[in-house]
Amino acid sequence: MPVPRAARKEPAISLLLSFFFPGVGSMINGDTGKGVGILLGSFATLFFGFLLTFVIVGFLLLPVAFGLWIWGLIDAYQGAVKANQRNGYPG
């Protein structure tokens, strides 16, 4: 069995962080660029979505923000599992 090279990542913690702050779970897993993209994309679409709520475009941006949030959750969990596998941790 290979010796672990880095600290184990907890998928549940990555998922929980990304639930409240989209992209942060990906960042702590080492996918900093992807995490920053999810975070900025989520905040930008939410900001413009709420800013433009009186215009049809605002309502179209809210599903995009929701999609980015879901993507962040999935990526954070899967990223932690993959990081653990790369570093020799089971499961």
Protein backbone atom coordinates (compact mmCIF):
# COMPACT_ATOMS: atom_id res chain seq x y z
CA MET A 1 0.00 0.00 0.00
CA PRO A 2 1.46 3.39 -0.99
CA VAL A 3 2.30 5.91 1.71
CA PRO A 4 0.05 9.02 1.60
CA ARG A 5 1.89 12.10 0.34
CA ALA A 6 -0.52 14.82 1.46
CA ALA A 7 -3.20 15.41 4.04
CA ARG A 8 -6.51 13.65 3.43
CA LYS A 9 -9.31 15.81 2.03
CA GLU A 10 -12.76 15.44 3.54
CA PRO A 11 -15.38 15.36 0.77
CA ALA A 12 -18.16 16.32 3.20
CA ILE A 13 -16.31 19.45 4.33
CA SER A 14 -15.60 20.45 0.73
CA LEU A 15 -19.28 19.95 -0.09
CA LEU A 16 -20.43 21.96 2.94
CA LEU A 17 -18.10 24.87 2.17
CA SER A 18 -19.26 24.95 -1.44
CA PHE A 19 -22.88 24.91 -0.28
CA PHE A 20 -22.42 28.27 1.42
CA PHE A 21 -19.59 29.68 -0.73
CA PRO A 22 -19.61 28.25 -4.28
CA GLY A 23 -16.13 27.29 -5.42
CA VAL A 24 -14.39 27.36 -2.04
CA GLY A 25 -14.56 23.56 -1.70
CA SER A 26 -12.78 23.22 -5.04
CA MET A 27 -10.15 25.71 -3.91
CA ILE A 28 -9.28 23.78 -0.74
CA ASN A 29 -8.98 20.62 -2.85
CA GLY A 30 -6.23 22.28 -4.90
CA ASP A 31 -8.32 23.28 -7.94
CA THR A 32 -7.83 26.98 -7.29
CA GLY A 33 -8.48 28.26 -10.81
CA LYS A 34 -11.69 26.28 -11.18
CA GLY A 35 -12.84 27.32 -7.70
CA VAL A 36 -12.22 31.01 -8.34
CA GLY A 37 -14.09 30.73 -11.65
CA ILE A 38 -17.10 29.12 -9.96
CA LEU A 39 -17.04 31.69 -7.13
CA LEU A 40 -16.77 34.72 -9.39
CA GLY A 41 -19.26 33.34 -11.89
CA SER A 42 -21.81 32.62 -9.17
CA PHE A 43 -21.49 36.02 -7.56
CA ALA A 44 -21.53 37.86 -10.88
CA THR A 45 -24.65 36.10 -12.14
CA LEU A 46 -26.43 36.56 -8.80
CA PHE A 47 -25.46 40.23 -8.65
CA PHE A 48 -26.58 41.00 -12.18
CA GLY A 49 -29.61 38.76 -11.81
CA PHE A 50 -30.85 40.71 -8.81
CA LEU A 51 -29.76 44.03 -10.31
CA LEU A 52 -31.76 43.35 -13.44
CA THR A 53 -34.83 41.76 -11.82
CA PHE A 54 -37.10 44.30 -13.45
CA VAL A 55 -35.80 43.26 -16.84
CA ILE A 56 -36.30 39.82 -18.39
CA VAL A 57 -32.52 39.28 -18.57
CA GLY A 58 -32.33 39.26 -14.77
CA PHE A 59 -34.62 36.26 -14.54
CA LEU A 60 -32.55 34.43 -17.14
CA LEU A 61 -29.34 34.83 -15.11
CA LEU A 62 -30.72 33.27 -11.93
CA PRO A 63 -30.81 29.71 -13.37
CA VAL A 64 -27.20 30.21 -14.50
CA ALA A 65 -26.22 31.10 -10.93
CA PHE A 66 -28.08 28.05 -9.64
CA GLY A 67 -26.30 25.85 -12.19
CA LEU A 68 -22.90 27.22 -11.14
CA TRP A 69 -23.78 26.56 -7.49
CA ILE A 70 -24.71 22.93 -8.25
CA TRP A 71 -21.54 22.50 -10.33
CA GLY A 72 -19.48 23.83 -7.42
CA LEU A 73 -21.05 21.33 -5.02
CA ILE A 74 -20.42 18.36 -7.30
CA ASP A 75 -16.88 19.45 -8.19
CA ALA A 76 -15.93 20.03 -4.54
CA TYR A 77 -17.02 16.55 -3.47
CA GLN A 78 -15.53 14.74 -6.45
CA GLY A 79 -12.34 16.78 -6.26
CA ALA A 80 -11.75 15.75 -2.64
CA VAL A 81 -12.32 12.08 -3.48
CA LYS A 82 -9.91 12.27 -6.44
CA ALA A 83 -7.28 14.10 -4.38
CA ASN A 84 -7.47 11.37 -1.75
CA GLN A 85 -7.10 8.67 -4.39
CA ARG A 86 -4.08 10.43 -5.94
CA ASN A 87 -2.44 10.60 -2.52
CA GLY A 88 -2.98 6.94 -1.69
CA TYR A 89 -5.96 7.20 0.63
CA PRO A 90 -8.70 4.59 0.18
CA GLY A 91 -12.12 5.69 -1.07
